[in-house]
PDB file of all heavy atoms in Angstrom:
ATOM      1  N   LEU A   1       0.849  -1.190   0.000  1.00  0.00           N
ATOM      2  CA  LEU A   1       0.000   0.000   0.000  1.00  0.00           C
ATOM      3  C   LEU A   1       0.888   1.245   0.000  1.00  0.00           C
ATOM      4  O   LEU A   1       1.682   1.441   0.915  1.00  0.00           O
ATOM      5  CB  LEU A   1      -0.915   0.013   1.227  1.00  0.00           C
ATOM      6  CG  LEU A   1      -1.863  -1.171   1.394  1.00  0.00           C
ATOM      7  CD1 LEU A   1      -2.607  -1.065   2.717  1.00  0.00           C
ATOM      8  CD2 LEU A   1      -2.827  -1.239   0.240  1.00  0.00           C
ATOM      9  N   ASP A   2       0.754   2.059  -1.041  1.00  0.00           N
ATOM     10  CA  ASP A   2       1.466   3.330  -1.134  1.00  0.00           C
ATOM     11  C   ASP A   2       0.450   4.414  -0.780  1.00  0.00           C
ATOM     12  O   ASP A   2      -0.388   4.784  -1.596  1.00  0.00           O
ATOM     13  CB  ASP A   2       2.020   3.512  -2.546  1.00  0.00           C
ATOM     14  CG  ASP A   2       2.895   4.749  -2.665  1.00  0.00           C
ATOM     15  OD1 ASP A   2       3.284   5.304  -1.613  1.00  0.00           O
ATOM     16  OD2 ASP A   2       3.187   5.165  -3.803  1.00  0.00           O
ATOM     17  N   VAL A   3       0.529   4.903   0.434  1.00  0.00           N
ATOM     18  CA  VAL A   3      -0.506   5.782   0.982  1.00  0.00           C
ATOM     19  C   VAL A   3      -0.178   7.238   0.669  1.00  0.00           C
ATOM     20  O   VAL A   3       0.931   7.710   0.919  1.00  0.00           O
ATOM     21  CB  VAL A   3      -0.630   5.577   2.506  1.00  0.00           C
ATOM     22  CG1 VAL A   3      -1.694   6.476   3.091  1.00  0.00           C
ATOM     23  CG2 VAL A   3      -0.929   4.124   2.811  1.00  0.00           C
ATOM     24  N   HIS A   4      -1.170   7.946   0.116  1.00  0.00           N
ATOM     25  CA  HIS A   4      -1.083   9.371  -0.159  1.00  0.00           C
ATOM     26  C   HIS A   4      -2.190  10.076   0.614  1.00  0.00           C
ATOM     27  O   HIS A   4      -2.977   9.436   1.313  1.00  0.00           O
ATOM     28  CB  HIS A   4      -1.221   9.628  -1.664  1.00  0.00           C
ATOM     29  CG  HIS A   4      -0.162   8.940  -2.463  1.00  0.00           C
ATOM     30  ND1 HIS A   4       1.090   9.476  -2.655  1.00  0.00           N
ATOM     31  CD2 HIS A   4      -0.154   7.743  -3.105  1.00  0.00           C
ATOM     32  CE1 HIS A   4       1.827   8.653  -3.397  1.00  0.00           C
ATOM     33  NE2 HIS A   4       1.085   7.588  -3.678  1.00  0.00           N
ATOM     34  N   LYS A   5      -2.290  11.367   0.462  1.00  0.00           N
ATOM     35  CA  LYS A   5      -3.271  12.141   1.219  1.00  0.00           C
ATOM     36  C   LYS A   5      -4.702  11.726   0.885  1.00  0.00           C
ATOM     37  O   LYS A   5      -5.524  11.534   1.780  1.00  0.00           O
ATOM     38  CB  LYS A   5      -3.085  13.621   0.938  1.00  0.00           C
ATOM     39  CG  LYS A   5      -3.975  14.522   1.751  1.00  0.00           C
ATOM     40  CD  LYS A   5      -3.658  15.973   1.485  1.00  0.00           C
ATOM     41  CE  LYS A   5      -4.570  16.871   2.301  1.00  0.00           C
ATOM     42  NZ  LYS A   5      -4.285  18.281   2.027  1.00  0.00           N
ATOM     43  N   ASP A   6      -5.029  11.583  -0.416  1.00  0.00           N
ATOM     44  CA  ASP A   6      -6.402  11.294  -0.820  1.00  0.00           C
ATOM     45  C   ASP A   6      -6.583   9.925  -1.459  1.00  0.00           C
ATOM     46  O   ASP A   6      -7.695   9.572  -1.840  1.00  0.00           O
ATOM     47  CB  ASP A   6      -6.889  12.352  -1.815  1.00  0.00           C
ATOM     48  CG  ASP A   6      -7.007  13.724  -1.179  1.00  0.00           C
ATOM     49  OD1 ASP A   6      -7.277  13.772   0.043  1.00  0.00           O
ATOM     50  OD2 ASP A   6      -6.827  14.727  -1.888  1.00  0.00           O
ATOM     51  N   SER A   7      -5.521   9.160  -1.622  1.00  0.00           N
ATOM     52  CA  SER A   7      -5.643   7.880  -2.324  1.00  0.00           C
ATOM     53  C   SER A   7      -4.603   6.896  -1.815  1.00  0.00           C
ATOM     54  O   SER A   7      -3.651   7.269  -1.133  1.00  0.00           O
ATOM     55  CB  SER A   7      -5.481   8.075  -3.834  1.00  0.00           C
ATOM     56  OG  SER A   7      -4.171   8.532  -4.110  1.00  0.00           O
ATOM     57  N   ILE A   8      -4.816   5.634  -2.184  1.00  0.00           N
ATOM     58  CA  ILE A   8      -3.887   4.555  -1.837  1.00  0.00           C
ATOM     59  C   ILE A   8      -3.663   3.727  -3.096  1.00  0.00           C
ATOM     60  O   ILE A   8      -4.613   3.224  -3.686  1.00  0.00           O
ATOM     61  CB  ILE A   8      -4.449   3.666  -0.706  1.00  0.00           C
ATOM     62  CG1 ILE A   8      -4.704   4.492   0.551  1.00  0.00           C
ATOM     63  CG2 ILE A   8      -3.509   2.507  -0.421  1.00  0.00           C
ATOM     64  CD1 ILE A   8      -5.397   3.734   1.660  1.00  0.00           C
ATOM     65  N   ALA A   9      -2.398   3.595  -3.506  1.00  0.00           N
ATOM     66  CA  ALA A   9      -2.048   2.743  -4.640  1.00  0.00           C
ATOM     67  C   ALA A   9      -1.755   1.345  -4.094  1.00  0.00           C
ATOM     68  O   ALA A   9      -1.075   1.188  -3.084  1.00  0.00           O
ATOM     69  CB  ALA A   9      -0.836   3.295  -5.372  1.00  0.00           C
ATOM     70  N   VAL A  10      -2.277   0.322  -4.777  1.00  0.00           N
ATOM     71  CA  VAL A  10      -2.181  -1.054  -4.288  1.00  0.00           C
ATOM     72  C   VAL A  10      -1.397  -1.905  -5.284  1.00  0.00           C
ATOM     73  O   VAL A  10      -1.637  -1.842  -6.484  1.00  0.00           O
ATOM     74  CB  VAL A  10      -3.594  -1.660  -4.087  1.00  0.00           C
ATOM     75  CG1 VAL A  10      -3.494  -3.072  -3.557  1.00  0.00           C
ATOM     76  CG2 VAL A  10      -4.420  -0.793  -3.165  1.00  0.00           C
ATOM     77  N   SER A  11      -0.457  -2.708  -4.759  1.00  0.00           N
ATOM     78  CA  SER A  11       0.279  -3.690  -5.550  1.00  0.00           C
ATOM     79  C   SER A  11       0.194  -5.030  -4.845  1.00  0.00           C
ATOM     80  O   SER A  11       0.093  -5.103  -3.625  1.00  0.00           O
ATOM     81  CB  SER A  11       1.740  -3.281  -5.706  1.00  0.00           C
ATOM     82  OG  SER A  11       1.830  -2.085  -6.431  1.00  0.00           O
ATOM     83  N   LEU A  12       0.244  -6.114  -5.630  1.00  0.00           N
ATOM     84  CA  LEU A  12       0.138  -7.470  -5.088  1.00  0.00           C
ATOM     85  C   LEU A  12       1.368  -8.277  -5.462  1.00  0.00           C
ATOM     86  O   LEU A  12       1.879  -8.151  -6.579  1.00  0.00           O
ATOM     87  CB  LEU A  12      -1.108  -8.165  -5.645  1.00  0.00           C
ATOM     88  CG  LEU A  12      -2.437  -7.467  -5.425  1.00  0.00           C
ATOM     89  CD1 LEU A  12      -3.548  -8.245  -6.122  1.00  0.00           C
ATOM     90  CD2 LEU A  12      -2.733  -7.323  -3.953  1.00  0.00           C
ATOM     91  N   ALA A  13       1.817  -9.126  -4.535  1.00  0.00           N
ATOM     92  CA  ALA A  13       2.959 -10.000  -4.777  1.00  0.00           C
ATOM     93  C   ALA A  13       2.658 -11.369  -4.179  1.00  0.00           C
ATOM     94  O   ALA A  13       2.636 -11.524  -2.952  1.00  0.00           O
ATOM     95  CB  ALA A  13       4.226  -9.421  -4.157  1.00  0.00           C
ATOM     96  N   PRO A  14       2.394 -12.394  -5.010  1.00  0.00           N
ATOM     97  CA  PRO A  14       2.175 -13.738  -4.481  1.00  0.00           C
ATOM     98  C   PRO A  14       3.477 -14.320  -3.920  1.00  0.00           C
ATOM     99  O   PRO A  14       4.567 -14.006  -4.400  1.00  0.00           O
ATOM    100  CB  PRO A  14       1.708 -14.539  -5.694  1.00  0.00           C
ATOM    101  CG  PRO A  14       1.526 -13.568  -6.804  1.00  0.00           C
ATOM    102  CD  PRO A  14       2.201 -12.310  -6.436  1.00  0.00           C
ATOM    103  N   SER A  15       3.352 -15.169  -2.901  1.00  0.00           N
ATOM    104  CA  SER A  15       4.546 -15.742  -2.274  1.00  0.00           C
ATOM    105  C   SER A  15       5.256 -16.745  -3.167  1.00  0.00           C
ATOM    106  O   SER A  15       6.438 -16.997  -2.993  1.00  0.00           O
ATOM    107  CB  SER A  15       4.172 -16.414  -0.951  1.00  0.00           C
ATOM    108  OG  SER A  15       3.257 -17.478  -1.192  1.00  0.00           O
ATOM    109  N   ASP A  16       4.545 -17.324  -4.150  1.00  0.00           N
ATOM    110  CA  ASP A  16       5.166 -18.331  -5.004  1.00  0.00           C
ATOM    111  C   ASP A  16       5.743 -17.729  -6.283  1.00  0.00           C
ATOM    112  O   ASP A  16       6.049 -18.439  -7.227  1.00  0.00           O
ATOM    113  CB  ASP A  16       4.152 -19.423  -5.348  1.00  0.00           C
ATOM    114  CG  ASP A  16       2.901 -18.868  -6.011  1.00  0.00           C
ATOM    115  OD1 ASP A  16       2.771 -17.631  -6.079  1.00  0.00           O
ATOM    116  OD2 ASP A  16       2.063 -19.670  -6.447  1.00  0.00           O
ATOM    117  N   SER A  17       5.907 -16.405  -6.332  1.00  0.00           N
ATOM    118  CA  SER A  17       6.416 -15.743  -7.526  1.00  0.00           C
ATOM    119  C   SER A  17       7.297 -14.569  -7.109  1.00  0.00           C
ATOM    120  O   SER A  17       7.203 -14.071  -5.995  1.00  0.00           O
ATOM    121  CB  SER A  17       5.247 -15.242  -8.383  1.00  0.00           C
ATOM    122  OG  SER A  17       5.709 -14.477  -9.462  1.00  0.00           O
ATOM    123  N   THR A  18       8.149 -14.121  -8.020  1.00  0.00           N
ATOM    124  CA  THR A  18       8.979 -12.950  -7.747  1.00  0.00           C
ATOM    125  C   THR A  18       8.383 -11.700  -8.383  1.00  0.00           C
ATOM    126  O   THR A  18       8.952 -10.628  -8.277  1.00  0.00           O
ATOM    127  CB  THR A  18      10.392 -13.159  -8.293  1.00  0.00           C
ATOM    128  OG1 THR A  18      10.311 -13.404  -9.704  1.00  0.00           O
ATOM    129  CG2 THR A  18      11.077 -14.314  -7.597  1.00  0.00           C
ATOM    130  N   GLU A  19       7.229 -11.833  -9.033  1.00  0.00           N
ATOM    131  CA  GLU A  19       6.608 -10.729  -9.740  1.00  0.00           C
ATOM    132  C   GLU A  19       5.704  -9.921  -8.813  1.00  0.00           C
ATOM    133  O   GLU A  19       4.968 -10.475  -8.004  1.00  0.00           O
ATOM    134  CB  GLU A  19       5.764 -11.274 -10.891  1.00  0.00           C
ATOM    135  CG  GLU A  19       5.094 -10.214 -11.722  1.00  0.00           C
ATOM    136  CD  GLU A  19       4.233 -10.811 -12.820  1.00  0.00           C
ATOM    137  OE1 GLU A  19       4.191 -12.039 -12.946  1.00  0.00           O
ATOM    138  OE2 GLU A  19       3.612 -10.032 -13.531  1.00  0.00           O
ATOM    139  N   VAL A  20       5.769  -8.602  -8.951  1.00  0.00           N
ATOM    140  CA  VAL A  20       4.879  -7.696  -8.231  1.00  0.00           C
ATOM    141  C   VAL A  20       3.951  -7.070  -9.260  1.00  0.00           C
ATOM    142  O   VAL A  20       4.399  -6.539 -10.266  1.00  0.00           O
ATOM    143  CB  VAL A  20       5.662  -6.600  -7.486  1.00  0.00           C
ATOM    144  CG1 VAL A  20       4.726  -5.616  -6.813  1.00  0.00           C
ATOM    145  CG2 VAL A  20       6.597  -7.226  -6.470  1.00  0.00           C
ATOM    146  N   ARG A  21       2.635  -7.166  -9.020  1.00  0.00           N
ATOM    147  CA  ARG A  21       1.637  -6.647  -9.964  1.00  0.00           C
ATOM    148  C   ARG A  21       0.944  -5.435  -9.372  1.00  0.00           C
ATOM    149  O   ARG A  21       0.592  -5.433  -8.199  1.00  0.00           O
ATOM    150  CB  ARG A  21       0.582  -7.711 -10.273  1.00  0.00           C
ATOM    151  CG  ARG A  21       1.134  -8.946 -10.952  1.00  0.00           C
ATOM    152  CD  ARG A  21       0.048  -9.963 -11.141  1.00  0.00           C
ATOM    153  NE  ARG A  21      -0.286 -10.542  -9.835  1.00  0.00           N
ATOM    154  CZ  ARG A  21      -1.443 -11.104  -9.556  1.00  0.00           C
ATOM    155  NH1 ARG A  21      -2.390 -11.160 -10.439  1.00  0.00           N
ATOM    156  NH2 ARG A  21      -1.658 -11.612  -8.356  1.00  0.00           N
ATOM    157  N   ARG A  22       0.721  -4.432 -10.189  1.00  0.00           N
ATOM    158  CA  ARG A  22      -0.053  -3.273  -9.767  1.00  0.00           C
ATOM    159  C   ARG A  22      -1.521  -3.644  -9.816  1.00  0.00           C
ATOM    160  O   ARG A  22      -2.013  -4.149 -10.823  1.00  0.00           O
ATOM    161  CB  ARG A  22       0.226  -2.097 -10.685  1.00  0.00           C
ATOM    162  CG  ARG A  22      -0.518  -0.857 -10.282  1.00  0.00           C
ATOM    163  CD  ARG A  22      -0.249   0.262 -11.270  1.00  0.00           C
ATOM    164  NE  ARG A  22      -1.230   1.309 -11.088  1.00  0.00           N
ATOM    165  CZ  ARG A  22      -1.005   2.432 -10.436  1.00  0.00           C
ATOM    166  NH1 ARG A  22       0.172   2.633  -9.918  1.00  0.00           N
ATOM    167  NH2 ARG A  22      -1.958   3.328 -10.311  1.00  0.00           N
ATOM    168  N   TYR A  23      -2.244  -3.416  -8.732  1.00  0.00           N
ATOM    169  CA  TYR A  23      -3.665  -3.749  -8.661  1.00  0.00           C
ATOM    170  C   TYR A  23      -4.522  -2.549  -9.028  1.00  0.00           C
ATOM    171  O   TYR A  23      -5.497  -2.686  -9.737  1.00  0.00           O
ATOM    172  CB  TYR A  23      -4.016  -4.240  -7.255  1.00  0.00           C
ATOM    173  CG  TYR A  23      -5.441  -4.687  -7.098  1.00  0.00           C
ATOM    174  CD1 TYR A  23      -5.858  -5.915  -7.590  1.00  0.00           C
ATOM    175  CD2 TYR A  23      -6.372  -3.888  -6.463  1.00  0.00           C
ATOM    176  CE1 TYR A  23      -7.163  -6.335  -7.448  1.00  0.00           C
ATOM    177  CE2 TYR A  23      -7.681  -4.295  -6.313  1.00  0.00           C
ATOM    178  CZ  TYR A  23      -8.072  -5.512  -6.814  1.00  0.00           C
ATOM    179  OH  TYR A  23      -9.370  -5.926  -6.675  1.00  0.00           O
ATOM    180  N   GLY A  24      -4.174  -1.372  -8.544  1.00  0.00           N
ATOM    181  CA  GLY A  24      -4.942  -0.180  -8.861  1.00  0.00           C
ATOM    182  C   GLY A  24      -4.856   0.854  -7.757  1.00  0.00           C
ATOM    183  O   GLY A  24      -4.043   0.752  -6.846  1.00  0.00           O
ATOM    184  N   VAL A  25      -5.721   1.862  -7.856  1.00  0.00           N
ATOM    185  CA  VAL A  25      -5.756   2.958  -6.891  1.00  0.00           C
ATOM    186  C   VAL A  25      -7.151   2.994  -6.277  1.00  0.00           C
ATOM    187  O   VAL A  25      -8.154   2.812  -6.967  1.00  0.00           O
ATOM    188  CB  VAL A  25      -5.446   4.302  -7.595  1.00  0.00           C
ATOM    189  CG1 VAL A  25      -5.512   5.454  -6.610  1.00  0.00           C
ATOM    190  CG2 VAL A  25      -4.083   4.254  -8.251  1.00  0.00           C
ATOM    191  N   LEU A  26      -7.212   3.211  -4.977  1.00  0.00           N
ATOM    192  CA  LEU A  26      -8.499   3.320  -4.302  1.00  0.00           C
ATOM    193  C   LEU A  26      -8.510   4.555  -3.424  1.00  0.00           C
ATOM    194  O   LEU A  26      -7.486   5.216  -3.273  1.00  0.00           O
ATOM    195  CB  LEU A  26      -8.809   2.063  -3.482  1.00  0.00           C
ATOM    196  CG  LEU A  26      -7.809   1.663  -2.402  1.00  0.00           C
ATOM    197  CD1 LEU A  26      -8.537   1.388  -1.115  1.00  0.00           C
ATOM    198  CD2 LEU A  26      -7.123   0.406  -2.864  1.00  0.00           C
ATOM    199  N   GLY A  27      -9.668   4.869  -2.873  1.00  0.00           N
ATOM    200  CA  GLY A  27      -9.800   6.032  -1.999  1.00  0.00           C
ATOM    201  C   GLY A  27      -8.986   5.875  -0.729  1.00  0.00           C
ATOM    202  O   GLY A  27      -8.482   4.796  -0.416  1.00  0.00           O
ATOM    203  N   GLY A  28      -8.852   6.940   0.012  1.00  0.00           N
ATOM    204  CA  GLY A  28      -7.983   6.922   1.180  1.00  0.00           C
ATOM    205  C   GLY A  28      -8.676   6.664   2.497  1.00  0.00           C
ATOM    206  O   GLY A  28      -8.109   6.921   3.542  1.00  0.00           O
ATOM    207  N   THR A  29      -9.896   6.123   2.487  1.00  0.00           N
ATOM    208  CA  THR A  29     -10.616   5.898   3.742  1.00  0.00           C
ATOM    209  C   THR A  29     -10.433   4.467   4.234  1.00  0.00           C
ATOM    210  O   THR A  29     -10.034   3.575   3.491  1.00  0.00           O
ATOM    211  CB  THR A  29     -12.124   6.179   3.578  1.00  0.00           C
ATOM    212  OG1 THR A  29     -12.677   5.209   2.693  1.00  0.00           O
ATOM    213  CG2 THR A  29     -12.359   7.584   3.045  1.00  0.00           C
ATOM    214  N   HIS A  30     -10.761   4.288   5.494  1.00  0.00           N
ATOM    215  CA  HIS A  30     -10.682   2.970   6.127  1.00  0.00           C
ATOM    216  C   HIS A  30     -11.640   1.983   5.444  1.00  0.00           C
ATOM    217  O   HIS A  30     -11.295   0.811   5.251  1.00  0.00           O
ATOM    218  CB  HIS A  30     -11.002   3.103   7.615  1.00  0.00           C
ATOM    219  CG  HIS A  30     -10.905   1.824   8.378  1.00  0.00           C
ATOM    220  ND1 HIS A  30      -9.703   1.203   8.636  1.00  0.00           N
ATOM    221  CD2 HIS A  30     -11.855   1.038   8.932  1.00  0.00           C
ATOM    222  CE1 HIS A  30      -9.926   0.094   9.311  1.00  0.00           C
ATOM    223  NE2 HIS A  30     -11.223  -0.035   9.514  1.00  0.00           N
ATOM    224  N   ASP A  31     -12.817   2.442   5.076  1.00  0.00           N
ATOM    225  CA  ASP A  31     -13.799   1.575   4.414  1.00  0.00           C
ATOM    226  C   ASP A  31     -13.293   1.074   3.064  1.00  0.00           C
ATOM    227  O   ASP A  31     -13.587  -0.054   2.669  1.00  0.00           O
ATOM    228  CB  ASP A  31     -15.118   2.316   4.228  1.00  0.00           C
ATOM    229  CG  ASP A  31     -15.819   2.589   5.551  1.00  0.00           C
ATOM    230  OD1 ASP A  31     -15.560   1.835   6.513  1.00  0.00           O
ATOM    231  OD2 ASP A  31     -16.599   3.556   5.614  1.00  0.00           O
ATOM    232  N   ASP A  32     -12.536   1.913   2.354  1.00  0.00           N
ATOM    233  CA  ASP A  32     -11.968   1.486   1.074  1.00  0.00           C
ATOM    234  C   ASP A  32     -10.984   0.338   1.259  1.00  0.00           C
ATOM    235  O   ASP A  32     -10.947  -0.607   0.476  1.00  0.00           O
ATOM    236  CB  ASP A  32     -11.274   2.654   0.379  1.00  0.00           C
ATOM    237  CG  ASP A  32     -12.239   3.746  -0.033  1.00  0.00           C
ATOM    238  OD1 ASP A  32     -13.398   3.421  -0.347  1.00  0.00           O
ATOM    239  OD2 ASP A  32     -11.827   4.925  -0.043  1.00  0.00           O
ATOM    240  N   VAL A  33     -10.185   0.403   2.306  1.00  0.00           N
ATOM    241  CA  VAL A  33      -9.211  -0.662   2.574  1.00  0.00           C
ATOM    242  C   VAL A  33      -9.933  -1.941   2.995  1.00  0.00           C
ATOM    243  O   VAL A  33      -9.553  -3.039   2.578  1.00  0.00           O
ATOM    244  CB  VAL A  33      -8.197  -0.214   3.644  1.00  0.00           C
ATOM    245  CG1 VAL A  33      -7.235  -1.329   3.989  1.00  0.00           C
ATOM    246  CG2 VAL A  33      -7.433   1.015   3.167  1.00  0.00           C
TER     247      VAL A  33
END
């Protein structure tokens, strides 16, 4: 989670792989997480 003032960028990394994938951007509230 890359947290900013109004948004959070999300990336995913499975344990069985060395690849990190960008998932997207969501709002910055607790409910969004």
